[in-house]
């Protein structure tokens, strides 16, 4: 692990993803968003969130390609 780990709050994640803070908490508690609960607060590793977003985008692209190929059959 490097010394450049950037831990962010729910508010910062909400701003980054342009979602409501309640949505961030719900997604994290459902295990759909990578984060850790510290006491009553959620904390997130920004690098992990960026990887999560990239993976989600890749999944959307894969599904779009599959749907497009389905129309060609």
N, C-alpha and C. Protein backbone atom coordinates (compact mmCIF):
# COMPACT_ATOMS: atom_id res chain seq x y z
N UNK A 1 0.86 -1.18 0.00
CA UNK A 1 0.00 0.00 0.00
C UNK A 1 0.90 1.23 0.00
N UNK A 2 0.48 2.22 -0.78
CA UNK A 2 1.28 3.43 -0.85
C UNK A 2 0.79 4.45 0.17
N UNK A 3 1.56 5.50 0.35
CA UNK A 3 1.17 6.56 1.27
C UNK A 3 0.19 7.54 0.67
N UNK A 4 -0.22 7.31 -0.57
CA UNK A 4 -1.09 8.24 -1.27
C UNK A 4 -2.55 7.78 -1.29
N UNK A 5 -2.98 6.98 -0.32
CA UNK A 5 -4.35 6.53 -0.26
C UNK A 5 -5.24 7.72 0.05
N UNK A 6 -6.29 7.90 -0.75
CA UNK A 6 -7.21 9.01 -0.53
C UNK A 6 -8.54 8.47 -0.03
N UNK A 7 -8.80 8.66 1.24
CA UNK A 7 -10.05 8.22 1.85
C UNK A 7 -11.02 9.39 1.80
N UNK A 8 -12.24 9.11 1.33
CA UNK A 8 -13.23 10.18 1.16
C UNK A 8 -14.52 9.84 1.91
N UNK A 9 -15.32 10.86 2.11
CA UNK A 9 -16.58 10.75 2.85
C UNK A 9 -17.74 10.50 1.90
N UNK A 10 -18.90 10.23 2.49
CA UNK A 10 -20.13 10.04 1.72
C UNK A 10 -20.41 11.29 0.87
N UNK A 11 -20.24 12.45 1.46
CA UNK A 11 -20.50 13.70 0.73
C UNK A 11 -19.61 13.81 -0.50
N UNK A 12 -18.33 13.48 -0.35
CA UNK A 12 -17.41 13.57 -1.49
C UNK A 12 -17.75 12.54 -2.57
N UNK A 13 -18.15 11.34 -2.15
CA UNK A 13 -18.55 10.32 -3.12
C UNK A 13 -19.82 10.75 -3.85
N UNK A 14 -20.76 11.31 -3.11
CA UNK A 14 -22.01 11.78 -3.72
C UNK A 14 -21.73 12.86 -4.77
N UNK A 15 -20.81 13.75 -4.47
CA UNK A 15 -20.45 14.78 -5.45
C UNK A 15 -19.76 14.17 -6.66
N UNK A 16 -18.86 13.21 -6.43
CA UNK A 16 -18.12 12.54 -7.50
C UNK A 16 -19.06 11.78 -8.43
N UNK A 17 -20.03 11.05 -7.86
CA UNK A 17 -20.94 10.24 -8.66
C UNK A 17 -22.23 10.98 -9.04
N UNK A 18 -22.38 12.19 -8.50
CA UNK A 18 -23.58 13.01 -8.74
C UNK A 18 -24.85 12.27 -8.32
N UNK A 19 -24.79 11.74 -7.09
CA UNK A 19 -25.92 11.05 -6.48
C UNK A 19 -26.19 11.67 -5.11
N UNK A 20 -27.34 11.36 -4.55
CA UNK A 20 -27.66 11.84 -3.21
C UNK A 20 -26.87 11.04 -2.19
N UNK A 21 -26.57 11.66 -1.07
CA UNK A 21 -25.82 11.00 -0.01
C UNK A 21 -26.54 9.75 0.49
N UNK A 22 -27.87 9.81 0.57
CA UNK A 22 -28.64 8.64 1.02
C UNK A 22 -28.47 7.47 0.06
N UNK A 23 -28.36 7.76 -1.22
CA UNK A 23 -28.15 6.71 -2.23
C UNK A 23 -26.79 6.07 -2.05
N UNK A 24 -25.78 6.88 -1.77
CA UNK A 24 -24.43 6.35 -1.53
C UNK A 24 -24.44 5.41 -0.33
N UNK A 25 -25.08 5.81 0.76
CA UNK A 25 -25.16 4.97 1.96
C UNK A 25 -25.90 3.67 1.67
N UNK A 26 -26.99 3.76 0.94
CA UNK A 26 -27.76 2.56 0.61
C UNK A 26 -26.95 1.60 -0.24
N UNK A 27 -26.31 2.11 -1.29
CA UNK A 27 -25.49 1.26 -2.16
C UNK A 27 -24.34 0.62 -1.39
N UNK A 28 -23.72 1.37 -0.50
CA UNK A 28 -22.61 0.83 0.29
C UNK A 28 -23.12 -0.26 1.24
N UNK A 29 -24.24 -0.01 1.90
CA UNK A 29 -24.77 -1.00 2.85
C UNK A 29 -25.25 -2.26 2.14
N UNK A 30 -25.65 -2.14 0.88
CA UNK A 30 -26.06 -3.30 0.08
C UNK A 30 -24.86 -4.02 -0.54
N UNK A 31 -23.67 -3.47 -0.35
CA UNK A 31 -22.47 -4.09 -0.91
C UNK A 31 -22.28 -3.81 -2.39
N UNK A 32 -23.02 -2.86 -2.92
CA UNK A 32 -22.93 -2.52 -4.34
C UNK A 32 -21.88 -1.45 -4.63
N UNK A 33 -21.40 -0.82 -3.59
CA UNK A 33 -20.40 0.24 -3.70
C UNK A 33 -19.28 -0.08 -2.71
N UNK A 34 -18.02 -0.07 -3.16
CA UNK A 34 -16.94 -0.45 -2.26
C UNK A 34 -16.67 0.61 -1.19
N UNK A 35 -16.88 0.23 0.05
CA UNK A 35 -16.64 1.16 1.15
C UNK A 35 -16.57 0.40 2.46
N UNK A 36 -16.24 1.10 3.52
CA UNK A 36 -16.16 0.48 4.84
C UNK A 36 -16.86 1.40 5.84
N UNK A 37 -17.59 0.78 6.74
CA UNK A 37 -18.28 1.56 7.76
C UNK A 37 -17.38 1.68 8.98
N UNK A 38 -17.14 2.91 9.42
CA UNK A 38 -16.33 3.19 10.59
C UNK A 38 -17.27 3.84 11.60
N UNK A 39 -17.66 3.07 12.60
CA UNK A 39 -18.67 3.57 13.53
C UNK A 39 -19.99 3.73 12.80
N UNK A 40 -20.51 4.94 12.78
CA UNK A 40 -21.76 5.21 12.07
C UNK A 40 -21.53 5.83 10.70
N UNK A 41 -20.28 6.04 10.34
CA UNK A 41 -19.95 6.74 9.08
C UNK A 41 -19.34 5.79 8.06
N UNK A 42 -19.60 6.08 6.81
CA UNK A 42 -18.98 5.34 5.71
C UNK A 42 -17.74 6.09 5.24
N UNK A 43 -16.72 5.31 4.85
CA UNK A 43 -15.51 5.87 4.25
C UNK A 43 -15.18 5.06 3.00
N UNK A 44 -14.60 5.73 2.03
CA UNK A 44 -14.34 5.12 0.74
C UNK A 44 -12.92 5.44 0.27
N UNK A 45 -12.32 4.49 -0.41
CA UNK A 45 -11.01 4.68 -1.03
C UNK A 45 -11.28 5.18 -2.45
N UNK A 46 -10.85 6.40 -2.77
CA UNK A 46 -11.15 6.99 -4.07
C UNK A 46 -10.64 6.14 -5.23
N UNK A 47 -9.47 5.54 -5.07
CA UNK A 47 -8.93 4.70 -6.14
C UNK A 47 -9.83 3.49 -6.39
N UNK A 48 -10.35 2.88 -5.33
CA UNK A 48 -11.27 1.75 -5.47
C UNK A 48 -12.57 2.20 -6.15
N UNK A 49 -13.04 3.40 -5.81
CA UNK A 49 -14.25 3.92 -6.45
C UNK A 49 -14.02 4.16 -7.94
N UNK A 50 -12.86 4.69 -8.28
CA UNK A 50 -12.56 4.93 -9.70
C UNK A 50 -12.50 3.61 -10.46
N UNK A 51 -11.93 2.56 -9.84
CA UNK A 51 -11.91 1.24 -10.48
C UNK A 51 -13.33 0.69 -10.61
N UNK A 52 -14.17 0.92 -9.60
CA UNK A 52 -15.56 0.47 -9.61
C UNK A 52 -16.32 1.13 -10.76
N UNK A 53 -16.13 2.43 -10.92
CA UNK A 53 -16.80 3.16 -12.01
C UNK A 53 -16.33 2.62 -13.36
N UNK A 54 -15.03 2.40 -13.51
CA UNK A 54 -14.50 1.87 -14.77
C UNK A 54 -15.08 0.50 -15.06
N UNK A 55 -15.17 -0.34 -14.04
CA UNK A 55 -15.76 -1.67 -14.22
C UNK A 55 -17.23 -1.60 -14.58
N UNK A 56 -17.96 -0.68 -13.95
CA UNK A 56 -19.38 -0.51 -14.26
C UNK A 56 -19.56 -0.04 -15.69
N UNK A 57 -18.69 0.86 -16.14
CA UNK A 57 -18.77 1.33 -17.52
C UNK A 57 -18.49 0.19 -18.49
N UNK A 58 -17.51 -0.64 -18.17
CA UNK A 58 -17.18 -1.78 -19.02
C UNK A 58 -18.37 -2.72 -19.11
N UNK A 59 -19.04 -2.94 -17.99
CA UNK A 59 -20.22 -3.81 -17.98
C UNK A 59 -21.34 -3.25 -18.84
N UNK A 60 -21.54 -1.95 -18.80
CA UNK A 60 -22.56 -1.33 -19.64
C UNK A 60 -22.23 -1.48 -21.11
N UNK A 61 -20.96 -1.32 -21.44
CA UNK A 61 -20.53 -1.46 -22.83
C UNK A 61 -20.73 -2.90 -23.29
N UNK A 62 -20.34 -3.86 -22.45
CA UNK A 62 -20.51 -5.28 -22.80
C UNK A 62 -21.98 -5.61 -23.05
N UNK A 63 -22.87 -5.12 -22.18
CA UNK A 63 -24.30 -5.38 -22.36
C UNK A 63 -24.83 -4.73 -23.63
N UNK A 64 -24.37 -3.52 -23.93
CA UNK A 64 -24.82 -2.85 -25.15
C UNK A 64 -24.38 -3.62 -26.39
N UNK A 65 -23.16 -4.13 -26.38
CA UNK A 65 -22.66 -4.92 -27.51
C UNK A 65 -23.48 -6.19 -27.65
N UNK A 66 -23.75 -6.87 -26.55
CA UNK A 66 -24.55 -8.10 -26.59
C UNK A 66 -25.93 -7.82 -27.15
N UNK A 67 -26.57 -6.74 -26.72
CA UNK A 67 -27.89 -6.40 -27.22
C UNK A 67 -27.86 -6.08 -28.70
N UNK A 68 -26.82 -5.39 -29.14
CA UNK A 68 -26.69 -5.06 -30.56
C UNK A 68 -26.53 -6.32 -31.38
N UNK A 69 -25.73 -7.26 -30.89
CA UNK A 69 -25.53 -8.50 -31.62
C UNK A 69 -26.80 -9.31 -31.66
N UNK A 70 -27.64 -9.21 -30.64
CA UNK A 70 -28.92 -9.90 -30.62
C UNK A 70 -29.85 -9.41 -31.71
N UNK A 71 -29.76 -8.15 -32.07
CA UNK A 71 -30.60 -7.59 -33.13
C UNK A 71 -30.18 -8.08 -34.50
N UNK A 72 -28.92 -8.46 -34.65
CA UNK A 72 -28.40 -8.89 -35.94
C UNK A 72 -28.81 -10.31 -36.29
N UNK A 73 -29.18 -11.11 -35.32
CA UNK A 73 -29.51 -12.52 -35.57
C UNK A 73 -30.81 -12.69 -36.27
